[in-house]
Protein backbone atom coordinates (compact mmCIF):
# COMPACT_ATOMS: atom_id res chain seq x y z
CA MET A 1 13.22 -17.56 -28.36
CA LEU A 2 16.47 -16.78 -26.58
CA VAL A 3 19.80 -16.17 -28.31
CA VAL A 4 22.65 -16.94 -25.92
CA MET A 5 25.90 -15.19 -26.78
CA LYS A 6 29.39 -16.51 -26.20
CA GLN A 7 31.23 -15.18 -23.18
CA SER A 8 33.69 -13.49 -25.53
CA ALA A 9 31.00 -11.88 -27.71
CA SER A 10 31.69 -8.23 -28.50
CA GLU A 11 29.22 -5.35 -28.38
CA GLU A 12 29.26 -5.29 -32.17
CA GLU A 13 28.31 -8.97 -32.36
CA ILE A 14 25.49 -8.47 -29.88
CA GLY A 15 24.31 -5.46 -31.85
CA ARG A 16 24.31 -7.52 -35.03
CA VAL A 17 22.03 -10.11 -33.43
CA VAL A 18 19.66 -7.34 -32.32
CA GLU A 19 19.61 -5.85 -35.82
CA THR A 20 18.94 -9.24 -37.41
CA ILE A 21 16.01 -9.93 -35.10
CA GLN A 22 14.57 -6.51 -35.88
CA ASP A 23 15.06 -7.10 -39.61
CA MET A 24 13.01 -10.28 -39.20
CA GLY A 25 10.13 -8.19 -37.86
CA TYR A 26 10.45 -8.91 -34.13
CA ASP A 27 11.53 -7.02 -31.04
CA ALA A 28 14.91 -7.77 -29.45
CA ARG A 29 15.82 -7.34 -25.80
CA PRO A 30 19.49 -7.73 -24.75
CA MET A 31 19.91 -9.10 -21.21
CA PRO A 32 23.47 -8.79 -19.88
CA GLY A 33 24.37 -11.44 -17.29
CA LYS A 34 27.28 -12.01 -14.97
CA GLN A 35 29.12 -14.21 -17.48
CA ARG A 36 27.43 -13.69 -20.83
CA THR A 37 24.68 -11.77 -22.61
CA ALA A 38 21.46 -13.24 -23.95
CA VAL A 39 19.14 -11.58 -26.45
CA GLY A 40 15.43 -12.29 -26.18
CA LEU A 41 13.26 -12.41 -29.27
CA ILE A 42 9.81 -11.04 -28.50
CA GLY A 43 6.77 -11.74 -30.63
CA ASN A 44 7.74 -15.19 -31.86
CA ASP A 45 4.78 -16.51 -33.84
CA GLY A 46 6.40 -19.86 -34.57
CA ARG A 47 7.80 -18.83 -37.94
CA VAL A 48 11.25 -17.69 -36.84
CA ASP A 49 14.15 -19.15 -38.82
CA SER A 50 16.58 -19.95 -36.01
CA ALA A 51 19.30 -20.93 -38.47
CA ARG A 52 19.62 -17.29 -39.50
CA LEU A 53 20.55 -16.43 -35.91
CA GLN A 54 22.67 -19.48 -35.16
CA GLY A 55 25.03 -18.59 -37.99
CA LEU A 56 25.84 -15.13 -36.64
CA SER A 57 29.25 -14.46 -35.13
CA GLY A 58 29.37 -14.61 -31.34
CA VAL A 59 26.22 -16.76 -30.94
CA LEU A 60 26.62 -19.77 -28.65
CA GLU A 61 23.13 -21.28 -28.98
CA VAL A 62 19.50 -20.51 -29.73
CA ILE A 63 16.97 -21.76 -27.19
CA GLU A 64 13.29 -22.21 -27.92
CA VAL A 65 11.23 -20.93 -24.99
CA SER A 66 8.33 -23.34 -24.77
CA GLN A 67 6.32 -21.67 -22.02
CA PRO A 68 3.52 -19.27 -23.03
CA TYR A 69 5.08 -16.73 -20.65
CA LYS A 70 8.46 -15.73 -22.03
CA GLN A 71 10.26 -12.98 -20.13
CA VAL A 72 8.99 -14.28 -16.78
CA SER A 73 10.49 -17.75 -17.28
CA ARG A 74 13.76 -19.21 -16.02
CA GLU A 75 14.52 -20.15 -19.62
CA TRP A 76 14.54 -16.46 -20.48
CA ARG A 77 16.59 -15.36 -17.47
CA GLU A 78 18.39 -17.82 -15.23
CA GLU A 79 19.55 -15.34 -12.57
CA ASP A 80 17.11 -14.27 -9.87
CA THR A 81 15.56 -10.84 -10.26
CA LEU A 82 16.38 -8.48 -7.39
CA VAL A 83 14.04 -5.56 -6.64
CA THR A 84 15.93 -2.83 -4.77
CA LEU A 85 14.08 -0.05 -2.93
CA HIS A 86 15.26 3.43 -1.91
CA ASN A 87 15.79 2.45 1.73
CA GLY A 88 18.16 -0.40 0.90
CA THR A 89 15.61 -3.22 1.05
CA VAL A 90 16.31 -5.90 -1.58
CA ILE A 91 13.55 -8.36 -2.45
CA GLY A 92 14.61 -11.60 -4.10
CA GLY A 93 18.08 -11.95 -2.64
CA SER A 94 19.29 -13.62 0.53
CA ASP A 95 17.16 -11.40 2.81
CA VAL A 96 13.71 -12.42 4.03
CA VAL A 97 11.83 -9.12 3.73
CA VAL A 98 8.76 -8.23 5.78
CA MET A 99 5.98 -5.88 4.65
CA ALA A 100 3.58 -5.06 7.47
CA GLY A 101 0.83 -2.63 8.42
CA PRO A 102 -2.94 -2.26 8.63
CA CYS A 103 -5.28 -3.35 5.89
CA ALA A 104 -6.47 0.24 5.45
CA VAL A 105 -5.14 3.68 6.33
CA GLU A 106 -7.62 5.17 8.78
CA ASN A 107 -5.98 8.34 10.14
CA GLU A 108 -2.55 9.87 10.70
CA GLU A 109 -2.16 8.71 14.29
CA GLN A 110 -2.93 5.12 13.32
CA ILE A 111 -0.63 4.81 10.31
CA VAL A 112 2.36 6.83 11.57
CA GLY A 113 2.14 5.26 15.01
CA ILE A 114 2.02 1.66 13.78
CA ALA A 115 4.79 2.39 11.25
CA ARG A 116 7.13 3.45 14.05
CA VAL A 117 6.31 0.29 15.99
CA LEU A 118 6.79 -2.00 12.99
CA ARG A 119 10.08 -0.36 12.02
CA GLY A 120 11.39 -1.01 15.50
CA MET A 121 10.47 -4.70 15.16
CA GLY A 122 12.29 -5.17 11.85
CA ALA A 123 9.76 -4.50 9.09
CA THR A 124 11.21 -2.38 6.28
CA ILE A 125 8.12 -1.92 4.09
CA LEU A 126 4.83 -0.40 5.26
CA ARG A 127 1.63 -1.77 3.77
CA GLY A 128 -1.67 0.07 3.95
CA GLY A 129 -4.60 0.56 1.63
CA ALA A 130 -5.67 4.03 0.53
CA PHE A 131 -8.07 2.59 -2.06
CA LYS A 132 -9.94 -0.52 -0.93
CA PRO A 133 -11.83 -2.69 -3.44
CA ARG A 134 -14.32 -4.43 -1.14
CA THR A 135 -16.76 -7.26 -1.77
CA SER A 136 -19.58 -5.20 -0.29
CA PRO A 137 -20.27 -1.69 -1.63
CA TYR A 138 -21.20 -0.66 1.90
CA SER A 139 -17.80 -1.54 3.41
CA PHE A 140 -15.10 1.06 4.05
CA GLN A 141 -13.55 1.93 0.68
CA GLY A 142 -10.47 3.81 1.89
CA LEU A 143 -9.44 7.45 2.25
CA GLY A 144 -8.21 7.83 -1.33
CA GLU A 145 -5.55 10.48 -1.91
CA GLU A 146 -5.68 11.52 1.73
CA GLY A 147 -4.59 7.99 2.61
CA LEU A 148 -1.68 8.23 0.18
CA ILE A 149 -0.56 11.49 1.80
CA LEU A 150 -0.63 9.84 5.22
CA LEU A 151 1.42 6.91 3.94
CA ALA A 152 4.01 9.38 2.64
CA ARG A 153 4.15 11.01 6.09
CA ALA A 154 4.71 7.61 7.69
CA ARG A 155 7.56 6.95 5.24
CA GLU A 156 9.13 10.32 6.08
CA ALA A 157 8.86 9.58 9.79
CA THR A 158 10.29 6.06 9.67
CA GLY A 159 12.30 5.50 6.50
CA MET A 160 10.11 2.55 5.56
CA ALA A 161 9.19 2.01 1.92
CA VAL A 162 5.46 2.07 1.07
CA VAL A 163 3.39 -0.52 -0.79
CA THR A 164 -0.23 0.32 -1.56
CA GLU A 165 -2.83 -0.78 -4.06
CA ALA A 166 -3.97 0.78 -7.32
CA VAL A 167 -7.46 -0.33 -8.31
CA ASP A 168 -7.92 1.09 -11.81
CA PRO A 169 -5.79 2.42 -14.70
CA ASP A 170 -6.94 6.03 -14.26
CA GLY A 171 -5.89 6.09 -10.60
CA LEU A 172 -2.59 4.28 -11.00
CA ASP A 173 -0.57 7.38 -11.83
CA LEU A 174 -1.73 9.01 -8.59
CA VAL A 175 -0.70 5.93 -6.58
CA ALA A 176 2.67 5.90 -8.35
CA GLU A 177 3.35 9.46 -7.12
CA TYR A 178 3.28 8.27 -3.50
CA ALA A 179 4.07 4.54 -3.50
CA ASP A 180 7.44 2.82 -3.65
CA ILE A 181 5.72 -0.39 -4.74
CA ILE A 182 2.40 -0.47 -6.61
CA GLN A 183 0.22 -3.35 -5.53
CA ILE A 184 -2.11 -5.10 -7.97
CA GLY A 185 -4.66 -6.92 -5.83
CA ALA A 186 -6.11 -10.39 -6.30
CA ARG A 187 -9.33 -9.04 -7.80
CA ASN A 188 -7.33 -7.18 -10.45
CA MET A 189 -4.74 -9.82 -11.36
CA GLN A 190 -6.26 -10.16 -14.83
CA ASN A 191 -7.21 -6.51 -15.27
CA TYR A 192 -5.03 -6.18 -18.35
CA PRO A 193 -5.37 -2.40 -18.90
CA LEU A 194 -4.31 -1.91 -15.27
CA LEU A 195 -1.37 -4.32 -15.72
CA ARG A 196 -0.19 -2.48 -18.82
CA ARG A 197 -0.37 0.89 -17.06
CA ALA A 198 1.53 -0.52 -14.10
CA GLY A 199 4.13 -1.93 -16.47
CA GLN A 200 4.63 1.56 -17.88
CA SER A 201 4.89 3.24 -14.47
CA GLY A 202 8.58 2.63 -13.87
CA LYS A 203 7.79 1.57 -10.29
CA PRO A 204 8.18 -1.88 -8.72
CA VAL A 205 4.92 -3.83 -8.83
CA LEU A 206 3.59 -6.36 -6.32
CA LEU A 207 1.27 -8.73 -8.18
CA LYS A 208 -1.08 -10.82 -6.06
CA ARG A 209 -2.41 -14.16 -7.26
CA GLY A 210 -6.10 -14.12 -8.11
CA MET A 211 -8.52 -16.01 -5.89
CA SER A 212 -9.15 -18.66 -8.55
CA ALA A 213 -6.00 -18.28 -10.64
CA THR A 214 -3.62 -21.04 -11.59
CA ILE A 215 0.12 -20.51 -11.28
CA LYS A 216 0.30 -20.35 -15.07
CA GLU A 217 -2.28 -17.55 -15.10
CA LEU A 218 -0.32 -15.67 -12.43
CA LEU A 219 2.86 -15.86 -14.49
CA LEU A 220 1.03 -14.79 -17.64
CA ALA A 221 -0.34 -11.77 -15.75
CA ALA A 222 3.24 -10.92 -14.75
CA GLU A 223 4.22 -11.23 -18.40
CA TYR A 224 2.01 -8.22 -19.16
CA LEU A 225 4.15 -6.13 -16.81
CA LEU A 226 7.46 -7.31 -18.25
CA ALA A 227 6.17 -6.90 -21.80
CA GLU A 228 5.79 -3.17 -21.04
CA GLY A 229 9.45 -3.00 -20.01
CA ASN A 230 9.02 -3.28 -16.23
CA GLY A 231 11.17 -6.06 -14.81
CA GLN A 232 10.69 -4.96 -11.18
CA VAL A 233 7.92 -7.42 -10.38
CA ILE A 234 7.24 -9.22 -7.09
CA LEU A 235 4.74 -12.08 -7.06
CA CYS A 236 2.53 -12.78 -4.05
CA GLU A 237 0.78 -15.99 -3.00
CA ARG A 238 -2.26 -14.86 -0.97
CA GLY A 239 -4.49 -17.90 -1.01
CA VAL A 240 -7.03 -19.33 -3.45
CA ARG A 241 -10.66 -20.32 -3.11
CA SER A 242 -11.34 -23.68 -1.48
CA PHE A 243 -14.32 -25.88 -0.66
CA ASP A 244 -13.34 -25.82 3.04
CA SER A 245 -14.84 -23.08 5.19
CA HIS A 246 -12.43 -23.28 8.14
CA THR A 247 -10.24 -20.53 6.67
CA ARG A 248 -10.94 -17.56 4.43
CA ASN A 249 -8.77 -19.00 1.65
CA LEU A 250 -6.37 -21.88 1.06
CA LEU A 251 -2.80 -20.57 1.30
CA ASP A 252 -1.03 -22.52 -1.44
CA LEU A 253 2.50 -22.91 -0.09
CA THR A 254 3.36 -25.27 -2.94
CA ALA A 255 3.17 -22.25 -5.23
CA ILE A 256 6.36 -20.87 -3.69
CA PRO A 257 8.81 -23.61 -4.80
CA VAL A 258 6.87 -24.11 -8.04
CA VAL A 259 7.17 -20.43 -9.00
CA LYS A 260 10.84 -20.37 -8.01
CA ALA A 261 11.49 -23.28 -10.39
CA LEU A 262 9.57 -21.71 -13.26
CA SER A 263 10.40 -18.01 -12.87
CA HIS A 264 13.25 -15.72 -11.88
CA LEU A 265 10.86 -13.27 -10.19
CA PRO A 266 10.77 -13.07 -6.37
CA ILE A 267 7.70 -14.37 -4.58
CA ILE A 268 6.36 -13.47 -1.14
CA ALA A 269 3.45 -14.86 0.88
CA ASP A 270 0.45 -13.14 2.47
CA PRO A 271 -0.77 -15.44 5.27
CA SER A 272 -3.17 -12.75 6.51
CA HIS A 273 -5.43 -12.99 3.46
CA GLY A 274 -4.40 -16.59 2.95
CA THR A 275 -6.10 -17.65 6.18
CA GLY A 276 -8.29 -14.74 7.27
CA ILE A 277 -7.91 -15.82 10.89
CA ARG A 278 -5.47 -14.15 13.28
CA ALA A 279 -4.51 -17.38 15.05
CA LYS A 280 -3.52 -19.00 11.75
CA VAL A 281 -1.34 -16.16 10.46
CA THR A 282 1.77 -16.88 12.53
CA PRO A 283 2.04 -20.64 11.79
CA MET A 284 1.46 -20.11 8.07
CA ALA A 285 3.97 -17.25 7.99
CA ARG A 286 6.55 -19.58 9.54
CA ALA A 287 5.71 -22.25 6.98
CA ALA A 288 6.01 -19.79 4.08
CA VAL A 289 9.53 -18.78 5.11
CA ALA A 290 10.46 -22.45 5.48
CA ALA A 291 9.09 -23.07 1.95
CA GLY A 292 11.46 -20.45 0.54
CA ALA A 293 9.39 -17.29 0.30
CA ASP A 294 11.43 -14.13 -0.31
CA GLY A 295 9.27 -12.20 2.12
CA LEU A 296 6.00 -11.87 3.96
CA MET A 297 3.10 -9.43 3.88
CA ILE A 298 1.46 -9.28 7.32
CA GLU A 299 -1.52 -7.23 8.46
CA VAL A 300 -0.88 -5.56 11.83
CA HIS A 301 -3.21 -3.07 13.50
CA PRO A 302 -2.76 -1.17 16.81
CA ASP A 303 -6.30 -2.17 17.82
CA PRO A 304 -7.63 -4.92 15.51
CA ASP A 305 -11.01 -5.04 17.27
CA ARG A 306 -11.68 -1.50 16.01
CA ALA A 307 -10.13 -1.86 12.55
CA LEU A 308 -12.25 -0.56 9.69
CA SER A 309 -11.08 -3.43 7.46
CA ASP A 310 -9.98 -7.05 8.08
CA GLY A 311 -9.55 -6.75 11.83
CA ALA A 312 -10.14 -10.49 12.32
CA GLN A 313 -6.95 -11.36 10.44
CA SER A 314 -4.77 -8.51 11.75
CA LEU A 315 -2.12 -9.26 14.35
CA PHE A 316 -1.69 -7.25 17.52
CA PRO A 317 1.76 -5.58 17.65
CA ASP A 318 3.01 -7.95 20.36
CA GLN A 319 1.98 -10.95 18.24
CA PHE A 320 3.89 -9.50 15.30
CA GLU A 321 6.96 -9.05 17.47
CA GLY A 322 6.83 -12.72 18.44
CA LEU A 323 6.44 -13.73 14.81
CA MET A 324 9.50 -11.72 13.79
CA GLU A 325 11.62 -13.54 16.36
CA GLN A 326 10.41 -16.90 15.10
CA ILE A 327 10.97 -16.28 11.41
CA ARG A 328 14.41 -14.87 12.16
CA VAL A 329 15.38 -18.29 13.52
CA ILE A 330 13.85 -20.11 10.53
CA ALA A 331 15.60 -17.85 8.02
CA GLN A 332 18.96 -18.34 9.67
CA ALA A 333 18.45 -22.12 9.71
CA LEU A 334 18.00 -21.97 5.94
CA GLY A 335 21.17 -19.93 5.47
CA ARG A 336 19.26 -16.74 4.68
CA GLU A 337 19.63 -13.30 6.18
CA PHE A 338 16.89 -11.50 7.98
CA VAL A 339 15.77 -7.95 7.21
CA PRO A 340 18.50 -5.29 6.93
CA THR A 341 18.70 -2.39 9.35
CA LEU A 342 17.07 0.74 7.98
CA PRO A 343 18.95 4.04 7.93
CA GLU A 344 17.67 6.80 10.16
CA PRO A 345 14.71 8.61 8.55
CA ALA A 346 16.73 11.79 8.01
CA GLN A 347 19.09 9.83 5.74
CA VAL A 348 16.34 8.50 3.51
CA PRO A 349 15.84 10.48 0.25
């Protein structure tokens, strides 16, 4: 349930609504907007007497939120959520933001070197896995904390923000020490203890859609994060399972406009995992931007043929450079800005 206040409502009137909701045995969350404040009622079990709230001074209307996900929905918050990072990158606004880097951190030369290249081409966020949940137990599992340290060195050298994955609740706090964005991978989209810990971290979270998850299930997973008080959530369409074997997954571009209609959270696309084939990454990245994605996550490796993880879907640096030029044109045609210019590394906190 959402209590929408009048534009002229005073702080005292808003406080009275909050107190009344709490007296009724529910949690209240004030949400100031550009023109008016709304107060969300959390924990509605269907027995709320809305008349008690409608009669309070300063209340404009009471809206029943019909979706099972509450705080994630457009009904709860009409304005788009903007996730702002330390280097000035804003996800969810007019900019089309690009996250790029190798699937896995392999050594310092690899990650710092590719970060410098990607920064020069316009990427503002460095992706790279320090912990790698792999289908096979015999595949490369990542460098662990050493990988996190190397990602931090790449950030210091370039000014790029860092997004990297946490794979379990116990290890999330360690990832949060190094990462600017904590990634929850597709295999963990419904790992609810991990989602709750991420929601308590105070860090932005990138939530990837599960391989067999519906859009409703993705939004309900995001609700776990917001329910813990973390509104800095970025959704990611990365492909779902399909009966066709020509690509690794089926990149569901329809999810982008659907999510934007249902939720105020930003959504990006990952055409690397969405296709699993290098030659398909660029056309699907172009299509994702055209569909309205707030950003892209692209795997780029200095030598994909020798990559320890997902080399077949990783772009060569020159291919990434060509892609950046193409999506710049598409973004501008849609009236959107391209990535902002990063400050020099010495100016980054």
